Amino acid sequence: MTTCCTVLSPHEQRIQEEMLGKEDFKKGRERIYKILESFHTQRPIIDVERAKYLLIP
């Protein structure tokens, strides 16, 4: 199968640029990426008590 061109969504383009090592997509969002990278490798923590309070009407 052949394709004449590849059109990527902005999200797909960002992922591809990140895989290639480009960091142009981080411009203007340095603070957000710093926050996201601070817990990137950590496992999620589920607080059962908080979930219980959210389910009670």
PDB file of N, CA and C in Angstrom:
ATOM      1  N   MET A   1       0.849  -1.171   0.000  1.00  0.00           N
ATOM      2  CA  MET A   1       0.000   0.000   0.000  1.00  0.00           C
ATOM      3  C   MET A   1       0.895   1.235   0.000  1.00  0.00           C
ATOM      4  N   THR A   2       0.593   2.190  -0.833  1.00  0.00           N
ATOM      5  CA  THR A   2       1.380   3.416  -0.889  1.00  0.00           C
ATOM      6  C   THR A   2       0.507   4.605  -0.540  1.00  0.00           C
ATOM      7  N   THR A   3       1.138   5.603   0.013  1.00  0.00           N
ATOM      8  CA  THR A   3       0.430   6.838   0.326  1.00  0.00           C
ATOM      9  C   THR A   3       1.213   7.989  -0.260  1.00  0.00           C
ATOM     10  N   CYS A   4       0.501   9.000  -0.685  1.00  0.00           N
ATOM     11  CA  CYS A   4       1.172  10.138  -1.302  1.00  0.00           C
ATOM     12  C   CYS A   4       1.673  11.139  -0.268  1.00  0.00           C
ATOM     13  N   CYS A   5       0.998  11.220   0.847  1.00  0.00           N
ATOM     14  CA  CYS A   5       1.433  12.161   1.883  1.00  0.00           C
ATOM     15  C   CYS A   5       0.906  11.705   3.238  1.00  0.00           C
ATOM     16  N   THR A   6       1.535  12.228   4.278  1.00  0.00           N
ATOM     17  CA  THR A   6       1.101  11.892   5.624  1.00  0.00           C
ATOM     18  C   THR A   6       0.664  13.170   6.319  1.00  0.00           C
ATOM     19  N   VAL A   7      -0.559  13.186   6.780  1.00  0.00           N
ATOM     20  CA  VAL A   7      -1.083  14.339   7.504  1.00  0.00           C
ATOM     21  C   VAL A   7      -1.252  13.920   8.959  1.00  0.00           C
ATOM     22  N   LEU A   8      -0.546  14.629   9.833  1.00  0.00           N
ATOM     23  CA  LEU A   8      -0.598  14.305  11.252  1.00  0.00           C
ATOM     24  C   LEU A   8      -1.389  15.351  12.018  1.00  0.00           C
ATOM     25  N   SER A   9      -2.087  14.893  13.036  1.00  0.00           N
ATOM     26  CA  SER A   9      -2.767  15.830  13.924  1.00  0.00           C
ATOM     27  C   SER A   9      -1.694  16.529  14.763  1.00  0.00           C
ATOM     28  N   PRO A  10      -2.030  17.654  15.399  1.00  0.00           N
ATOM     29  CA  PRO A  10      -1.031  18.336  16.239  1.00  0.00           C
ATOM     30  C   PRO A  10      -0.483  17.426  17.341  1.00  0.00           C
ATOM     31  N   HIS A  11      -1.337  16.587  17.903  1.00  0.00           N
ATOM     32  CA  HIS A  11      -0.895  15.663  18.951  1.00  0.00           C
ATOM     33  C   HIS A  11       0.096  14.639  18.386  1.00  0.00           C
ATOM     34  N   GLU A  12      -0.224  14.069  17.221  1.00  0.00           N
ATOM     35  CA  GLU A  12       0.665  13.104  16.583  1.00  0.00           C
ATOM     36  C   GLU A  12       1.993  13.752  16.202  1.00  0.00           C
ATOM     37  N   GLN A  13       1.938  14.984  15.724  1.00  0.00           N
ATOM     38  CA  GLN A  13       3.147  15.717  15.347  1.00  0.00           C
ATOM     39  C   GLN A  13       4.042  15.938  16.568  1.00  0.00           C
ATOM     40  N   ARG A  14       3.447  16.294  17.708  1.00  0.00           N
ATOM     41  CA  ARG A  14       4.214  16.525  18.925  1.00  0.00           C
ATOM     42  C   ARG A  14       4.885  15.241  19.392  1.00  0.00           C
ATOM     43  N   ILE A  15       4.157  14.130  19.339  1.00  0.00           N
ATOM     44  CA  ILE A  15       4.711  12.841  19.750  1.00  0.00           C
ATOM     45  C   ILE A  15       5.872  12.451  18.841  1.00  0.00           C
ATOM     46  N   GLN A  16       5.701  12.656  17.557  1.00  0.00           N
ATOM     47  CA  GLN A  16       6.761  12.323  16.610  1.00  0.00           C
ATOM     48  C   GLN A  16       8.000  13.191  16.850  1.00  0.00           C
ATOM     49  N   GLU A  17       7.805  14.484  17.090  1.00  0.00           N
ATOM     50  CA  GLU A  17       8.928  15.376  17.363  1.00  0.00           C
ATOM     51  C   GLU A  17       9.624  14.990  18.663  1.00  0.00           C
ATOM     52  N   GLU A  18       8.853  14.573  19.664  1.00  0.00           N
ATOM     53  CA  GLU A  18       9.444  14.151  20.934  1.00  0.00           C
ATOM     54  C   GLU A  18      10.284  12.894  20.727  1.00  0.00           C
ATOM     55  N   MET A  19       9.810  11.957  19.914  1.00  0.00           N
ATOM     56  CA  MET A  19      10.561  10.730  19.642  1.00  0.00           C
ATOM     57  C   MET A  19      11.853  11.035  18.886  1.00  0.00           C
ATOM     58  N   LEU A  20      11.842  12.062  18.053  1.00  0.00           N
ATOM     59  CA  LEU A  20      13.033  12.444  17.290  1.00  0.00           C
ATOM     60  C   LEU A  20      13.998  13.295  18.104  1.00  0.00           C
ATOM     61  N   GLY A  21      13.596  13.681  19.308  1.00  0.00           N
ATOM     62  CA  GLY A  21      14.467  14.465  20.173  1.00  0.00           C
ATOM     63  C   GLY A  21      14.319  15.967  20.017  1.00  0.00           C
ATOM     64  N   LYS A  22      13.389  16.409  19.207  1.00  0.00           N
ATOM     65  CA  LYS A  22      13.152  17.845  19.047  1.00  0.00           C
ATOM     66  C   LYS A  22      12.379  18.353  20.252  1.00  0.00           C
ATOM     67  N   GLU A  23      12.657  19.570  20.662  1.00  0.00           N
ATOM     68  CA  GLU A  23      11.949  20.123  21.808  1.00  0.00           C
ATOM     69  C   GLU A  23      11.309  21.466  21.471  1.00  0.00           C
ATOM     70  N   ASP A  24      11.046  21.716  20.202  1.00  0.00           N
ATOM     71  CA  ASP A  24      10.395  22.960  19.793  1.00  0.00           C
ATOM     72  C   ASP A  24       8.968  23.050  20.322  1.00  0.00           C
ATOM     73  N   PHE A  25       8.331  21.903  20.521  1.00  0.00           N
ATOM     74  CA  PHE A  25       6.938  21.891  20.974  1.00  0.00           C
ATOM     75  C   PHE A  25       6.800  22.381  22.409  1.00  0.00           C
ATOM     76  N   LYS A  26       7.900  22.454  23.152  1.00  0.00           N
ATOM     77  CA  LYS A  26       7.841  22.885  24.545  1.00  0.00           C
ATOM     78  C   LYS A  26       7.888  24.406  24.686  1.00  0.00           C
ATOM     79  N   LYS A  27       8.178  25.108  23.615  1.00  0.00           N
ATOM     80  CA  LYS A  27       8.267  26.572  23.689  1.00  0.00           C
ATOM     81  C   LYS A  27       6.967  27.170  24.185  1.00  0.00           C
ATOM     82  N   GLY A  28       7.076  28.030  25.190  1.00  0.00           N
ATOM     83  CA  GLY A  28       5.901  28.688  25.734  1.00  0.00           C
ATOM     84  C   GLY A  28       5.153  27.867  26.775  1.00  0.00           C
ATOM     85  N   ARG A  29       5.572  26.616  26.962  1.00  0.00           N
ATOM     86  CA  ARG A  29       4.909  25.747  27.934  1.00  0.00           C
ATOM     87  C   ARG A  29       5.930  25.087  28.861  1.00  0.00           C
ATOM     88  N   GLU A  30       7.019  25.786  29.123  1.00  0.00           N
ATOM     89  CA  GLU A  30       8.096  25.231  29.937  1.00  0.00           C
ATOM     90  C   GLU A  30       7.613  24.849  31.335  1.00  0.00           C
ATOM     91  N   ARG A  31       6.786  25.700  31.939  1.00  0.00           N
ATOM     92  CA  ARG A  31       6.286  25.452  33.292  1.00  0.00           C
ATOM     93  C   ARG A  31       5.460  24.171  33.350  1.00  0.00           C
ATOM     94  N   ILE A  32       4.582  23.986  32.380  1.00  0.00           N
ATOM     95  CA  ILE A  32       3.722  22.801  32.344  1.00  0.00           C
ATOM     96  C   ILE A  32       4.557  21.539  32.168  1.00  0.00           C
ATOM     97  N   TYR A  33       5.534  21.573  31.242  1.00  0.00           N
ATOM     98  CA  TYR A  33       6.356  20.391  31.023  1.00  0.00           C
ATOM     99  C   TYR A  33       7.233  20.090  32.227  1.00  0.00           C
ATOM    100  N   LYS A  34       7.662  21.101  32.962  1.00  0.00           N
ATOM    101  CA  LYS A  34       8.437  20.871  34.177  1.00  0.00           C
ATOM    102  C   LYS A  34       7.576  20.151  35.218  1.00  0.00           C
ATOM    103  N   ILE A  35       6.320  20.567  35.353  1.00  0.00           N
ATOM    104  CA  ILE A  35       5.394  19.912  36.284  1.00  0.00           C
ATOM    105  C   ILE A  35       5.142  18.467  35.846  1.00  0.00           C
ATOM    106  N   LEU A  36       4.862  18.242  34.574  1.00  0.00           N
ATOM    107  CA  LEU A  36       4.586  16.895  34.076  1.00  0.00           C
ATOM    108  C   LEU A  36       5.786  15.973  34.236  1.00  0.00           C
ATOM    109  N   GLU A  37       6.987  16.485  33.979  1.00  0.00           N
ATOM    110  CA  GLU A  37       8.193  15.662  34.087  1.00  0.00           C
ATOM    111  C   GLU A  37       8.532  15.335  35.533  1.00  0.00           C
ATOM    112  N   SER A  38       8.025  16.126  36.490  1.00  0.00           N
ATOM    113  CA  SER A  38       8.336  15.873  37.893  1.00  0.00           C
ATOM    114  C   SER A  38       7.727  14.563  38.403  1.00  0.00           C
ATOM    115  N   PHE A  39       6.639  14.091  37.803  1.00  0.00           N
ATOM    116  CA  PHE A  39       6.037  12.823  38.227  1.00  0.00           C
ATOM    117  C   PHE A  39       5.875  11.838  37.077  1.00  0.00           C
ATOM    118  N   HIS A  40       6.617  12.042  36.010  1.00  0.00           N
ATOM    119  CA  HIS A  40       6.496  11.211  34.807  1.00  0.00           C
ATOM    120  C   HIS A  40       6.780   9.736  35.077  1.00  0.00           C
ATOM    121  N   THR A  41       7.779   9.413  35.888  1.00  0.00           N
ATOM    122  CA  THR A  41       8.164   8.019  36.094  1.00  0.00           C
ATOM    123  C   THR A  41       7.530   7.397  37.336  1.00  0.00           C
ATOM    124  N   GLN A  42       6.689   8.140  38.034  1.00  0.00           N
ATOM    125  CA  GLN A  42       6.079   7.626  39.256  1.00  0.00           C
ATOM    126  C   GLN A  42       4.795   6.863  38.955  1.00  0.00           C
ATOM    127  N   ARG A  43       4.488   5.909  39.826  1.00  0.00           N
ATOM    128  CA  ARG A  43       3.249   5.161  39.697  1.00  0.00           C
ATOM    129  C   ARG A  43       2.090   5.991  40.247  1.00  0.00           C
ATOM    130  N   PRO A  44       0.907   5.883  39.665  1.00  0.00           N
ATOM    131  CA  PRO A  44      -0.249   6.618  40.186  1.00  0.00           C
ATOM    132  C   PRO A  44      -0.627   6.128  41.582  1.00  0.00           C
ATOM    133  N   ILE A  45      -1.085   7.040  42.408  1.00  0.00           N
ATOM    134  CA  ILE A  45      -1.530   6.705  43.760  1.00  0.00           C
ATOM    135  C   ILE A  45      -3.029   6.988  43.829  1.00  0.00           C
ATOM    136  N   ILE A  46      -3.776   5.989  44.259  1.00  0.00           N
ATOM    137  CA  ILE A  46      -5.223   6.138  44.370  1.00  0.00           C
ATOM    138  C   ILE A  46      -5.572   6.293  45.842  1.00  0.00           C
ATOM    139  N   ASP A  47      -6.259   7.354  46.159  1.00  0.00           N
ATOM    140  CA  ASP A  47      -6.683   7.607  47.530  1.00  0.00           C
ATOM    141  C   ASP A  47      -8.115   7.088  47.683  1.00  0.00           C
ATOM    142  N   VAL A  48      -8.263   5.972  48.386  1.00  0.00           N
ATOM    143  CA  VAL A  48      -9.563   5.326  48.532  1.00  0.00           C
ATOM    144  C   VAL A  48     -10.541   6.230  49.271  1.00  0.00           C
ATOM    145  N   GLU A  49     -10.090   6.917  50.305  1.00  0.00           N
ATOM    146  CA  GLU A  49     -10.975   7.796  51.067  1.00  0.00           C
ATOM    147  C   GLU A  49     -11.524   8.921  50.195  1.00  0.00           C
ATOM    148  N   ARG A  50     -10.692   9.485  49.366  1.00  0.00           N
ATOM    149  CA  ARG A  50     -11.146  10.566  48.484  1.00  0.00           C
ATOM    150  C   ARG A  50     -12.158  10.038  47.475  1.00  0.00           C
ATOM    151  N   ALA A  51     -11.915   8.865  46.946  1.00  0.00           N
ATOM    152  CA  ALA A  51     -12.843   8.270  45.989  1.00  0.00           C
ATOM    153  C   ALA A  51     -14.187   7.981  46.658  1.00  0.00           C
ATOM    154  N   LYS A  52     -14.143   7.567  47.906  1.00  0.00           N
ATOM    155  CA  LYS A  52     -15.371   7.271  48.640  1.00  0.00           C
ATOM    156  C   LYS A  52     -16.214   8.528  48.782  1.00  0.00           C
ATOM    157  N   TYR A  53     -15.582   9.665  49.101  1.00  0.00           N
ATOM    158  CA  TYR A  53     -16.316  10.918  49.282  1.00  0.00           C
ATOM    159  C   TYR A  53     -16.891  11.433  47.962  1.00  0.00           C
ATOM    160  N   LEU A  54     -16.209  11.154  46.872  1.00  0.00           N
ATOM    161  CA  LEU A  54     -16.702  11.601  45.571  1.00  0.00           C
ATOM    162  C   LEU A  54     -17.935  10.818  45.134  1.00  0.00           C
ATOM    163  N   LEU A  55     -18.066   9.573  45.594  1.00  0.00           N
ATOM    164  CA  LEU A  55     -19.190   8.741  45.172  1.00  0.00           C
ATOM    165  C   LEU A  55     -20.446   8.963  46.010  1.00  0.00           C
ATOM    166  N   ILE A  56     -20.300   9.531  47.190  1.00  0.00           N
ATOM    167  CA  ILE A  56     -21.456   9.762  48.054  1.00  0.00           C
ATOM    168  C   ILE A  56     -22.187  11.016  47.594  1.00  0.00           C
ATOM    169  N   PRO A  57     -23.488  10.899  47.259  1.00  0.00           N
ATOM    170  CA  PRO A  57     -24.226  12.096  46.774  1.00  0.00           C
ATOM    171  C   PRO A  57     -24.554  13.079  47.876  1.00  0.00           C
TER     172      PRO A  57
END
